[in-house]
Amino acid sequence: AMMALYNTFLFMASFSHWRTMTTDPGAVPRDAEPLPGLAAEFKRLGKAIPKCRRTGTFKPPRAHFDRALKRNVVRMDHHCPWVNNCVGIGNQKLFLLFLLYTA
């Protein structure tokens, strides 16, 4: 019984690790524009629309530039060397599952 449980967790950890490595973390498109409501809010506050210093494109809230991927990632958490990928909106759930299965 214990061996079956161990093998199940080993398989699930390996599968979620592989999926985290191969899933796109969620890049901001180069031609992205702010939503009309967000643009109006910046205008009302008298602030400039945020632009990425490296690419010069629109930078949504919580998006950050990842040097390894050379692009902005939506809801970027960090670049993880364990999975050799950035953890963002597209693979955050898979990364958390990987951590859960290995804990």
PDB file of N, CA and C in Angstrom:
ATOM      1  N   ALA A   1       0.827  -1.198   0.000  1.00  0.00           N
ATOM      2  CA  ALA A   1       0.000   0.000   0.000  1.00  0.00           C
ATOM      3  C   ALA A   1       0.865   1.254   0.000  1.00  0.00           C
ATOM      4  N   MET A   2       1.938   1.236   0.814  1.00  0.00           N
ATOM      5  CA  MET A   2       2.807   2.406   0.880  1.00  0.00           C
ATOM      6  C   MET A   2       3.568   2.605  -0.428  1.00  0.00           C
ATOM      7  N   MET A   3       3.943   1.499  -1.054  1.00  0.00           N
ATOM      8  CA  MET A   3       4.671   1.584  -2.317  1.00  0.00           C
ATOM      9  C   MET A   3       3.782   2.176  -3.411  1.00  0.00           C
ATOM     10  N   ALA A   4       2.517   1.814  -3.430  1.00  0.00           N
ATOM     11  CA  ALA A   4       1.581   2.369  -4.417  1.00  0.00           C
ATOM     12  C   ALA A   4       1.397   3.861  -4.190  1.00  0.00           C
ATOM     13  N   LEU A   5       1.295   4.283  -2.945  1.00  0.00           N
ATOM     14  CA  LEU A   5       1.151   5.703  -2.623  1.00  0.00           C
ATOM     15  C   LEU A   5       2.405   6.474  -3.027  1.00  0.00           C
ATOM     16  N   TYR A   6       3.564   5.912  -2.726  1.00  0.00           N
ATOM     17  CA  TYR A   6       4.831   6.536  -3.104  1.00  0.00           C
ATOM     18  C   TYR A   6       4.936   6.680  -4.622  1.00  0.00           C
ATOM     19  N   ASN A   7       4.626   5.629  -5.335  1.00  0.00           N
ATOM     20  CA  ASN A   7       4.710   5.668  -6.797  1.00  0.00           C
ATOM     21  C   ASN A   7       3.713   6.662  -7.395  1.00  0.00           C
ATOM     22  N   THR A   8       2.543   6.777  -6.787  1.00  0.00           N
ATOM     23  CA  THR A   8       1.551   7.748  -7.254  1.00  0.00           C
ATOM     24  C   THR A   8       2.093   9.169  -7.108  1.00  0.00           C
ATOM     25  N   PHE A   9       2.643   9.471  -5.921  1.00  0.00           N
ATOM     26  CA  PHE A   9       3.199  10.814  -5.712  1.00  0.00           C
ATOM     27  C   PHE A   9       4.413  11.061  -6.601  1.00  0.00           C
ATOM     28  N   LEU A  10       5.222  10.058  -6.814  1.00  0.00           N
ATOM     29  CA  LEU A  10       6.382  10.196  -7.695  1.00  0.00           C
ATOM     30  C   LEU A  10       5.944  10.504  -9.125  1.00  0.00           C
ATOM     31  N   PHE A  11       4.945   9.787  -9.606  1.00  0.00           N
ATOM     32  CA  PHE A  11       4.429  10.030 -10.956  1.00  0.00           C
ATOM     33  C   PHE A  11       3.825  11.435 -11.063  1.00  0.00           C
ATOM     34  N   MET A  12       2.997  11.808 -10.083  1.00  0.00           N
ATOM     35  CA  MET A  12       2.350  13.123 -10.127  1.00  0.00           C
ATOM     36  C   MET A  12       3.378  14.249 -10.035  1.00  0.00           C
ATOM     37  N   ALA A  13       4.404  14.089  -9.207  1.00  0.00           N
ATOM     38  CA  ALA A  13       5.459  15.099  -9.100  1.00  0.00           C
ATOM     39  C   ALA A  13       6.220  15.207 -10.417  1.00  0.00           C
ATOM     40  N   SER A  14       6.550  14.086 -11.010  1.00  0.00           N
ATOM     41  CA  SER A  14       7.279  14.095 -12.286  1.00  0.00           C
ATOM     42  C   SER A  14       6.443  14.714 -13.401  1.00  0.00           C
ATOM     43  N   PHE A  15       5.168  14.365 -13.428  1.00  0.00           N
ATOM     44  CA  PHE A  15       4.284  14.901 -14.468  1.00  0.00           C
ATOM     45  C   PHE A  15       4.097  16.409 -14.314  1.00  0.00           C
ATOM     46  N   SER A  16       3.853  16.885 -13.096  1.00  0.00           N
ATOM     47  CA  SER A  16       3.669  18.329 -12.905  1.00  0.00           C
ATOM     48  C   SER A  16       4.976  19.087 -13.137  1.00  0.00           C
ATOM     49  N   HIS A  17       6.114  18.465 -12.826  1.00  0.00           N
ATOM     50  CA  HIS A  17       7.415  19.085 -13.114  1.00  0.00           C
ATOM     51  C   HIS A  17       7.603  19.237 -14.622  1.00  0.00           C
ATOM     52  N   TRP A  18       7.324  18.184 -15.366  1.00  0.00           N
ATOM     53  CA  TRP A  18       7.457  18.236 -16.819  1.00  0.00           C
ATOM     54  C   TRP A  18       6.514  19.283 -17.421  1.00  0.00           C
ATOM     55  N   ARG A  19       5.259  19.319 -16.938  1.00  0.00           N
ATOM     56  CA  ARG A  19       4.296  20.283 -17.460  1.00  0.00           C
ATOM     57  C   ARG A  19       4.711  21.718 -17.129  1.00  0.00           C
ATOM     58  N   THR A  20       5.263  21.956 -15.940  1.00  0.00           N
ATOM     59  CA  THR A  20       5.733  23.287 -15.565  1.00  0.00           C
ATOM     60  C   THR A  20       6.870  23.723 -16.481  1.00  0.00           C
ATOM     61  N   MET A  21       7.752  22.796 -16.823  1.00  0.00           N
ATOM     62  CA  MET A  21       8.879  23.119 -17.700  1.00  0.00           C
ATOM     63  C   MET A  21       8.428  23.446 -19.117  1.00  0.00           C
ATOM     64  N   THR A  22       7.410  22.752 -19.603  1.00  0.00           N
ATOM     65  CA  THR A  22       7.044  22.876 -21.016  1.00  0.00           C
ATOM     66  C   THR A  22       5.877  23.824 -21.282  1.00  0.00           C
ATOM     67  N   THR A  23       5.232  24.341 -20.239  1.00  0.00           N
ATOM     68  CA  THR A  23       4.094  25.237 -20.421  1.00  0.00           C
ATOM     69  C   THR A  23       4.573  26.686 -20.492  1.00  0.00           C
ATOM     70  N   ASP A  24       4.022  27.437 -21.431  1.00  0.00           N
ATOM     71  CA  ASP A  24       4.345  28.854 -21.563  1.00  0.00           C
ATOM     72  C   ASP A  24       3.867  29.596 -20.316  1.00  0.00           C
ATOM     73  N   PRO A  25       4.728  30.409 -19.697  1.00  0.00           N
ATOM     74  CA  PRO A  25       4.321  31.100 -18.473  1.00  0.00           C
ATOM     75  C   PRO A  25       3.325  32.230 -18.701  1.00  0.00           C
ATOM     76  N   GLY A  26       3.092  32.630 -19.907  1.00  0.00           N
ATOM     77  CA  GLY A  26       2.115  33.682 -20.188  1.00  0.00           C
ATOM     78  C   GLY A  26       2.766  35.014 -20.486  1.00  0.00           C
ATOM     79  N   ALA A  27       3.207  35.195 -21.689  1.00  0.00           N
ATOM     80  CA  ALA A  27       3.901  36.418 -22.079  1.00  0.00           C
ATOM     81  C   ALA A  27       2.914  37.512 -22.468  1.00  0.00           C
ATOM     82  N   VAL A  28       3.337  38.749 -22.256  1.00  0.00           N
ATOM     83  CA  VAL A  28       2.560  39.907 -22.702  1.00  0.00           C
ATOM     84  C   VAL A  28       2.826  40.078 -24.202  1.00  0.00           C
ATOM     85  N   PRO A  29       1.779  40.139 -25.036  1.00  0.00           N
ATOM     86  CA  PRO A  29       2.005  40.326 -26.477  1.00  0.00           C
ATOM     87  C   PRO A  29       2.721  41.654 -26.753  1.00  0.00           C
ATOM     88  N   ARG A  30       3.541  41.682 -27.785  1.00  0.00           N
ATOM     89  CA  ARG A  30       4.302  42.899 -28.129  1.00  0.00           C
ATOM     90  C   ARG A  30       3.376  44.074 -28.466  1.00  0.00           C
ATOM     91  N   ASP A  31       2.200  43.778 -29.033  1.00  0.00           N
ATOM     92  CA  ASP A  31       1.276  44.851 -29.428  1.00  0.00           C
ATOM     93  C   ASP A  31       0.175  45.077 -28.394  1.00  0.00           C
ATOM     94  N   ALA A  32       0.402  44.682 -27.141  1.00  0.00           N
ATOM     95  CA  ALA A  32      -0.616  44.809 -26.097  1.00  0.00           C
ATOM     96  C   ALA A  32      -0.915  46.279 -25.790  1.00  0.00           C
ATOM     97  N   GLU A  33      -2.166  46.557 -25.548  1.00  0.00           N
ATOM     98  CA  GLU A  33      -2.629  47.896 -25.162  1.00  0.00           C
ATOM     99  C   GLU A  33      -3.387  47.766 -23.845  1.00  0.00           C
ATOM    100  N   PRO A  34      -3.384  48.825 -23.022  1.00  0.00           N
ATOM    101  CA  PRO A  34      -4.146  48.739 -21.764  1.00  0.00           C
ATOM    102  C   PRO A  34      -5.647  48.694 -22.038  1.00  0.00           C
ATOM    103  N   LEU A  35      -6.376  48.046 -21.138  1.00  0.00           N
ATOM    104  CA  LEU A  35      -7.831  48.031 -21.248  1.00  0.00           C
ATOM    105  C   LEU A  35      -8.354  49.448 -21.142  1.00  0.00           C
ATOM    106  N   PRO A  36      -9.480  49.756 -21.791  1.00  0.00           N
ATOM    107  CA  PRO A  36      -9.987  51.136 -21.767  1.00  0.00           C
ATOM    108  C   PRO A  36     -10.186  51.679 -20.341  1.00  0.00           C
ATOM    109  N   GLY A  37     -10.671  50.863 -19.434  1.00  0.00           N
ATOM    110  CA  GLY A  37     -10.879  51.308 -18.059  1.00  0.00           C
ATOM    111  C   GLY A  37      -9.567  51.634 -17.358  1.00  0.00           C
ATOM    112  N   LEU A  38      -8.535  50.822 -17.618  1.00  0.00           N
ATOM    113  CA  LEU A  38      -7.230  51.049 -17.014  1.00  0.00           C
ATOM    114  C   LEU A  38      -6.576  52.298 -17.593  1.00  0.00           C
ATOM    115  N   ALA A  39      -6.704  52.490 -18.891  1.00  0.00           N
ATOM    116  CA  ALA A  39      -6.146  53.679 -19.533  1.00  0.00           C
ATOM    117  C   ALA A  39      -6.829  54.936 -19.012  1.00  0.00           C
ATOM    118  N   ALA A  40      -8.152  54.886 -18.821  1.00  0.00           N
ATOM    119  CA  ALA A  40      -8.885  56.032 -18.290  1.00  0.00           C
ATOM    120  C   ALA A  40      -8.467  56.337 -16.852  1.00  0.00           C
ATOM    121  N   GLU A  41      -8.207  55.292 -16.082  1.00  0.00           N
ATOM    122  CA  GLU A  41      -7.768  55.479 -14.683  1.00  0.00           C
ATOM    123  C   GLU A  41      -6.406  56.158 -14.623  1.00  0.00           C
ATOM    124  N   PHE A  42      -5.472  55.741 -15.480  1.00  0.00           N
ATOM    125  CA  PHE A  42      -4.166  56.396 -15.523  1.00  0.00           C
ATOM    126  C   PHE A  42      -4.308  57.852 -15.937  1.00  0.00           C
ATOM    127  N   LYS A  43      -5.182  58.109 -16.906  1.00  0.00           N
ATOM    128  CA  LYS A  43      -5.384  59.476 -17.376  1.00  0.00           C
ATOM    129  C   LYS A  43      -5.998  60.336 -16.277  1.00  0.00           C
ATOM    130  N   ARG A  44      -6.970  59.769 -15.539  1.00  0.00           N
ATOM    131  CA  ARG A  44      -7.622  60.502 -14.460  1.00  0.00           C
ATOM    132  C   ARG A  44      -6.628  60.851 -13.345  1.00  0.00           C
ATOM    133  N   LEU A  45      -5.715  59.933 -13.065  1.00  0.00           N
ATOM    134  CA  LEU A  45      -4.722  60.168 -12.018  1.00  0.00           C
ATOM    135  C   LEU A  45      -3.538  61.011 -12.504  1.00  0.00           C
ATOM    136  N   GLY A  46      -3.489  61.271 -13.785  1.00  0.00           N
ATOM    137  CA  GLY A  46      -2.397  62.062 -14.345  1.00  0.00           C
ATOM    138  C   GLY A  46      -1.096  61.291 -14.449  1.00  0.00           C
ATOM    139  N   LYS A  47      -1.176  59.982 -14.493  1.00  0.00           N
ATOM    140  CA  LYS A  47       0.017  59.143 -14.600  1.00  0.00           C
ATOM    141  C   LYS A  47       0.189  58.643 -16.028  1.00  0.00           C
ATOM    142  N   ALA A  48       1.430  58.372 -16.370  1.00  0.00           N
ATOM    143  CA  ALA A  48       1.719  57.803 -17.691  1.00  0.00           C
ATOM    144  C   ALA A  48       1.406  56.313 -17.686  1.00  0.00           C
ATOM    145  N   ILE A  49       1.023  55.808 -18.840  1.00  0.00           N
ATOM    146  CA  ILE A  49       0.780  54.372 -18.985  1.00  0.00           C
ATOM    147  C   ILE A  49       2.126  53.673 -18.843  1.00  0.00           C
ATOM    148  N   PRO A  50       2.215  52.648 -17.964  1.00  0.00           N
ATOM    149  CA  PRO A  50       3.517  52.009 -17.725  1.00  0.00           C
ATOM    150  C   PRO A  50       4.047  51.279 -18.954  1.00  0.00           C
ATOM    151  N   LYS A  51       5.321  51.499 -19.209  1.00  0.00           N
ATOM    152  CA  LYS A  51       6.016  50.849 -20.323  1.00  0.00           C
ATOM    153  C   LYS A  51       7.212  50.099 -19.775  1.00  0.00           C
ATOM    154  N   CYS A  52       7.541  49.003 -20.413  1.00  0.00           N
ATOM    155  CA  CYS A  52       8.719  48.221 -20.034  1.00  0.00           C
ATOM    156  C   CYS A  52       9.970  49.004 -20.438  1.00  0.00           C
ATOM    157  N   ARG A  53      10.933  49.088 -19.530  1.00  0.00           N
ATOM    158  CA  ARG A  53      12.166  49.821 -19.827  1.00  0.00           C
ATOM    159  C   ARG A  53      13.016  49.123 -20.874  1.00  0.00           C
ATOM    160  N   ARG A  54      12.887  47.805 -20.982  1.00  0.00           N
ATOM    161  CA  ARG A  54      13.736  47.061 -21.917  1.00  0.00           C
ATOM    162  C   ARG A  54      13.118  46.925 -23.303  1.00  0.00           C
ATOM    163  N   THR A  55      11.790  46.723 -23.360  1.00  0.00           N
ATOM    164  CA  THR A  55      11.156  46.502 -24.661  1.00  0.00           C
ATOM    165  C   THR A  55      10.370  47.715 -25.147  1.00  0.00           C
ATOM    166  N   GLY A  56       9.985  48.612 -24.255  1.00  0.00           N
ATOM    167  CA  GLY A  56       9.217  49.791 -24.642  1.00  0.00           C
ATOM    168  C   GLY A  56       7.746  49.523 -24.889  1.00  0.00           C
ATOM    169  N   THR A  57       7.279  48.319 -24.569  1.00  0.00           N
ATOM    170  CA  THR A  57       5.875  47.971 -24.776  1.00  0.00           C
ATOM    171  C   THR A  57       5.093  48.159 -23.485  1.00  0.00           C
ATOM    172  N   PHE A  58       3.760  48.116 -23.583  1.00  0.00           N
ATOM    173  CA  PHE A  58       2.890  48.252 -22.417  1.00  0.00           C
ATOM    174  C   PHE A  58       3.195  47.173 -21.392  1.00  0.00           C
ATOM    175  N   LYS A  59       3.260  47.573 -20.126  1.00  0.00           N
ATOM    176  CA  LYS A  59       3.553  46.634 -19.038  1.00  0.00           C
ATOM    177  C   LYS A  59       2.358  46.583 -18.099  1.00  0.00           C
ATOM    178  N   PRO A  60       1.551  45.500 -18.149  1.00  0.00           N
ATOM    179  CA  PRO A  60       0.393  45.384 -17.261  1.00  0.00           C
ATOM    180  C   PRO A  60       0.817  45.293 -15.792  1.00  0.00           C
ATOM    181  N   PRO A  61      -0.110  45.555 -14.867  1.00  0.00           N
ATOM    182  CA  PRO A  61       0.215  45.393 -13.447  1.00  0.00           C
ATOM    183  C   PRO A  61       0.671  43.954 -13.151  1.00  0.00           C
ATOM    184  N   ARG A  62       1.666  43.815 -12.297  1.00  0.00           N
ATOM    185  CA  ARG A  62       2.260  42.541 -11.869  1.00  0.00           C
ATOM    186  C   ARG A  62       3.002  41.806 -12.987  1.00  0.00           C
ATOM    187  N   ALA A  63       3.243  42.447 -14.102  1.00  0.00           N
ATOM    188  CA  ALA A  63       4.056  41.847 -15.161  1.00  0.00           C
ATOM    189  C   ALA A  63       5.497  42.304 -14.964  1.00  0.00           C
ATOM    190  N   HIS A  64       6.431  41.397 -15.232  1.00  0.00           N
ATOM    191  CA  HIS A  64       7.843  41.723 -15.082  1.00  0.00           C
ATOM    192  C   HIS A  64       8.618  41.138 -16.249  1.00  0.00           C
ATOM    193  N   PHE A  65       9.755  41.774 -16.539  1.00  0.00           N
ATOM    194  CA  PHE A  65      10.618  41.308 -17.619  1.00  0.00           C
ATOM    195  C   PHE A  65      11.493  40.177 -17.108  1.00  0.00           C
ATOM    196  N   ASP A  66      11.521  39.074 -17.840  1.00  0.00           N
ATOM    197  CA  ASP A  66      12.373  37.945 -17.491  1.00  0.00           C
ATOM    198  C   ASP A  66      13.550  37.927 -18.457  1.00  0.00           C
ATOM    199  N   ARG A  67      14.757  38.060 -17.922  1.00  0.00           N
ATOM    200  CA  ARG A  67      15.943  38.118 -18.775  1.00  0.00           C
ATOM    201  C   ARG A  67      16.209  36.798 -19.493  1.00  0.00           C
ATOM    202  N   ALA A  68      15.868  35.698 -18.858  1.00  0.00           N
ATOM    203  CA  ALA A  68      16.115  34.395 -19.491  1.00  0.00           C
ATOM    204  C   ALA A  68      15.213  34.195 -20.714  1.00  0.00           C
ATOM    205  N   LEU A  69      13.956  34.616 -20.608  1.00  0.00           N
ATOM    206  CA  LEU A  69      13.011  34.462 -21.717  1.00  0.00           C
ATOM    207  C   LEU A  69      13.016  35.658 -22.659  1.00  0.00           C
ATOM    208  N   LYS A  70      13.570  36.782 -22.191  1.00  0.00           N
ATOM    209  CA  LYS A  70      13.644  38.033 -22.959  1.00  0.00           C
ATOM    210  C   LYS A  70      12.259  38.546 -23.363  1.00  0.00           C
ATOM    211  N   ARG A  71      11.322  38.526 -22.378  1.00  0.00           N
ATOM    212  CA  ARG A  71       9.982  39.049 -22.618  1.00  0.00           C
ATOM    213  C   ARG A  71       9.303  39.326 -21.276  1.00  0.00           C
ATOM    214  N   ASN A  72       8.219  40.099 -21.337  1.00  0.00           N
ATOM    215  CA  ASN A  72       7.426  40.373 -20.144  1.00  0.00           C
ATOM    216  C   ASN A  72       6.496  39.202 -19.883  1.00  0.00           C
ATOM    217  N   VAL A  73       6.383  38.821 -18.605  1.00  0.00           N
ATOM    218  CA  VAL A  73       5.555  37.688 -18.207  1.00  0.00           C
ATOM    219  C   VAL A  73       4.445  38.206 -17.287  1.00  0.00           C
ATOM    220  N   VAL A  74       3.197  37.826 -17.595  1.00  0.00           N
ATOM    221  CA  VAL A  74       2.043  38.246 -16.807  1.00  0.00           C
ATOM    222  C   VAL A  74       2.063  37.512 -15.467  1.00  0.00           C
ATOM    223  N   ARG A  75       1.827  38.248 -14.399  1.00  0.00           N
ATOM    224  CA  ARG A  75       1.804  37.714 -13.030  1.00  0.00           C
ATOM    225  C   ARG A  75       3.040  36.866 -12.739  1.00  0.00           C
ATOM    226  N   MET A  76       4.204  37.437 -13.092  1.00  0.00           N
ATOM    227  CA  MET A  76       5.460  36.704 -12.905  1.00  0.00           C
ATOM    228  C   MET A  76       5.764  36.539 -11.421  1.00  0.00           C
ATOM    229  N   ASP A  77       6.102  35.317 -11.040  1.00  0.00           N
ATOM    230  CA  ASP A  77       6.516  35.042  -9.674  1.00  0.00           C
ATOM    231  C   ASP A  77       8.043  35.064  -9.604  1.00  0.00           C
ATOM    232  N   HIS A  78       8.690  34.178 -10.313  1.00  0.00           N
ATOM    233  CA  HIS A  78      10.145  34.138 -10.357  1.00  0.00           C
ATOM    234  C   HIS A  78      10.597  33.211 -11.492  1.00  0.00           C
ATOM    235  N   HIS A  79      11.878  33.294 -11.803  1.00  0.00           N
ATOM    236  CA  HIS A  79      12.454  32.338 -12.750  1.00  0.00           C
ATOM    237  C   HIS A  79      13.045  31.213 -11.923  1.00  0.00           C
ATOM    238  N   CYS A  80      12.514  30.025 -12.086  1.00  0.00           N
ATOM    239  CA  CYS A  80      12.902  28.891 -11.243  1.00  0.00           C
ATOM    240  C   CYS A  80      13.958  28.036 -11.942  1.00  0.00           C
ATOM    241  N   PRO A  81      15.124  27.875 -11.335  1.00  0.00           N
ATOM    242  CA  PRO A  81      16.149  27.030 -11.954  1.00  0.00           C
ATOM    243  C   PRO A  81      15.783  25.545 -11.913  1.00  0.00           C
ATOM    244  N   TRP A  82      14.911  25.140 -10.998  1.00  0.00           N
ATOM    245  CA  TRP A  82      14.504  23.731 -10.921  1.00  0.00           C
ATOM    246  C   TRP A  82      13.733  23.307 -12.159  1.00  0.00           C
ATOM    247  N   VAL A  83      12.934  24.211 -12.688  1.00  0.00           N
ATOM    248  CA  VAL A  83      12.132  23.867 -13.857  1.00  0.00           C
ATOM    249  C   VAL A  83      12.657  24.543 -15.122  1.00  0.00           C
ATOM    250  N   ASN A  84      13.733  25.332 -14.972  1.00  0.00           N
ATOM    251  CA  ASN A  84      14.340  26.044 -16.097  1.00  0.00           C
ATOM    252  C   ASN A  84      13.298  26.832 -16.882  1.00  0.00           C
ATOM    253  N   ASN A  85      12.414  27.487 -16.155  1.00  0.00           N
ATOM    254  CA  ASN A  85      11.352  28.268 -16.777  1.00  0.00           C
ATOM    255  C   ASN A  85      10.906  29.330 -15.788  1.00  0.00           C
ATOM    256  N   CYS A  86      10.266  30.334 -16.306  1.00  0.00           N
ATOM    257  CA  CYS A  86       9.690  31.367 -15.465  1.00  0.00           C
ATOM    258  C   CYS A  86       8.332  30.880 -14.963  1.00  0.00           C
ATOM    259  N   VAL A  87       8.007  31.208 -13.720  1.00  0.00           N
ATOM    260  CA  VAL A  87       6.707  30.850 -13.162  1.00  0.00           C
ATOM    261  C   VAL A  87       5.808  32.069 -13.306  1.00  0.00           C
ATOM    262  N   GLY A  88       4.762  31.933 -14.117  1.00  0.00           N
ATOM    263  CA  GLY A  88       3.833  33.027 -14.377  1.00  0.00           C
ATOM    264  C   GLY A  88       2.409  32.531 -14.353  1.00  0.00           C
ATOM    265  N   ILE A  89       1.516  33.330 -14.930  1.00  0.00           N
ATOM    266  CA  ILE A  89       0.089  33.013 -14.882  1.00  0.00           C
ATOM    267  C   ILE A  89      -0.237  31.687 -15.586  1.00  0.00           C
ATOM    268  N   GLY A  90       0.540  31.320 -16.585  1.00  0.00           N
ATOM    269  CA  GLY A  90       0.235  30.115 -17.356  1.00  0.00           C
ATOM    270  C   GLY A  90       0.645  28.812 -16.700  1.00  0.00           C
ATOM    271  N   ASN A  91       1.637  28.848 -15.808  1.00  0.00           N
ATOM    272  CA  ASN A  91       2.109  27.592 -15.217  1.00  0.00           C
ATOM    273  C   ASN A  91       2.238  27.657 -13.694  1.00  0.00           C
ATOM    274  N   GLN A  92       1.665  28.668 -13.067  1.00  0.00           N
ATOM    275  CA  GLN A  92       1.774  28.795 -11.617  1.00  0.00           C
ATOM    276  C   GLN A  92       1.084  27.644 -10.883  1.00  0.00           C
ATOM    277  N   LYS A  93      -0.086  27.250 -11.346  1.00  0.00           N
ATOM    278  CA  LYS A  93      -0.805  26.136 -10.719  1.00  0.00           C
ATOM    279  C   LYS A  93       0.014  24.852 -10.811  1.00  0.00           C
ATOM    280  N   LEU A  94       0.601  24.599 -11.963  1.00  0.00           N
ATOM    281  CA  LEU A  94       1.416  23.402 -12.140  1.00  0.00           C
ATOM    282  C   LEU A  94       2.636  23.422 -11.231  1.00  0.00           C
ATOM    283  N   PHE A  95       3.236  24.593 -11.059  1.00  0.00           N
ATOM    284  CA  PHE A  95       4.396  24.711 -10.179  1.00  0.00           C
ATOM    285  C   PHE A  95       4.001  24.434  -8.726  1.00  0.00           C
ATOM    286  N   LEU A  96       2.866  24.973  -8.302  1.00  0.00           N
ATOM    287  CA  LEU A  96       2.407  24.737  -6.931  1.00  0.00           C
ATOM    288  C   LEU A  96       2.073  23.255  -6.711  1.00  0.00           C
ATOM    289  N   LEU A  97       1.504  22.601  -7.720  1.00  0.00           N
ATOM    290  CA  LEU A  97       1.255  21.163  -7.611  1.00  0.00           C
ATOM    291  C   LEU A  97       2.567  20.389  -7.496  1.00  0.00           C
ATOM    292  N   PHE A  98       3.553  20.790  -8.266  1.00  0.00           N
ATOM    293  CA  PHE A  98       4.880  20.158  -8.187  1.00  0.00           C
ATOM    294  C   PHE A  98       5.437  20.272  -6.768  1.00  0.00           C
ATOM    295  N   LEU A  99       5.341  21.469  -6.181  1.00  0.00           N
ATOM    296  CA  LEU A  99       5.806  21.658  -4.803  1.00  0.00           C
ATOM    297  C   LEU A  99       5.013  20.822  -3.810  1.00  0.00           C
ATOM    298  N   LEU A 100       3.712  20.748  -4.014  1.00  0.00           N
ATOM    299  CA  LEU A 100       2.859  19.960  -3.111  1.00  0.00           C
ATOM    300  C   LEU A 100       3.224  18.475  -3.154  1.00  0.00           C
ATOM    301  N   TYR A 101       3.419  17.943  -4.360  1.00  0.00           N
ATOM    302  CA  TYR A 101       3.720  16.517  -4.486  1.00  0.00           C
ATOM    303  C   TYR A 101       5.118  16.164  -3.961  1.00  0.00           C
ATOM    304  N   THR A 102       6.039  17.108  -3.993  1.00  0.00           N
ATOM    305  CA  THR A 102       7.391  16.817  -3.516  1.00  0.00           C
ATOM    306  C   THR A 102       7.552  17.108  -2.023  1.00  0.00           C
ATOM    307  N   ALA A 103       6.593  17.807  -1.422  1.00  0.00           N
ATOM    308  CA  ALA A 103       6.721  18.143   0.011  1.00  0.00           C
ATOM    309  C   ALA A 103       6.427  16.956   0.905  1.00  0.00           C
TER     310      ALA A 103
END
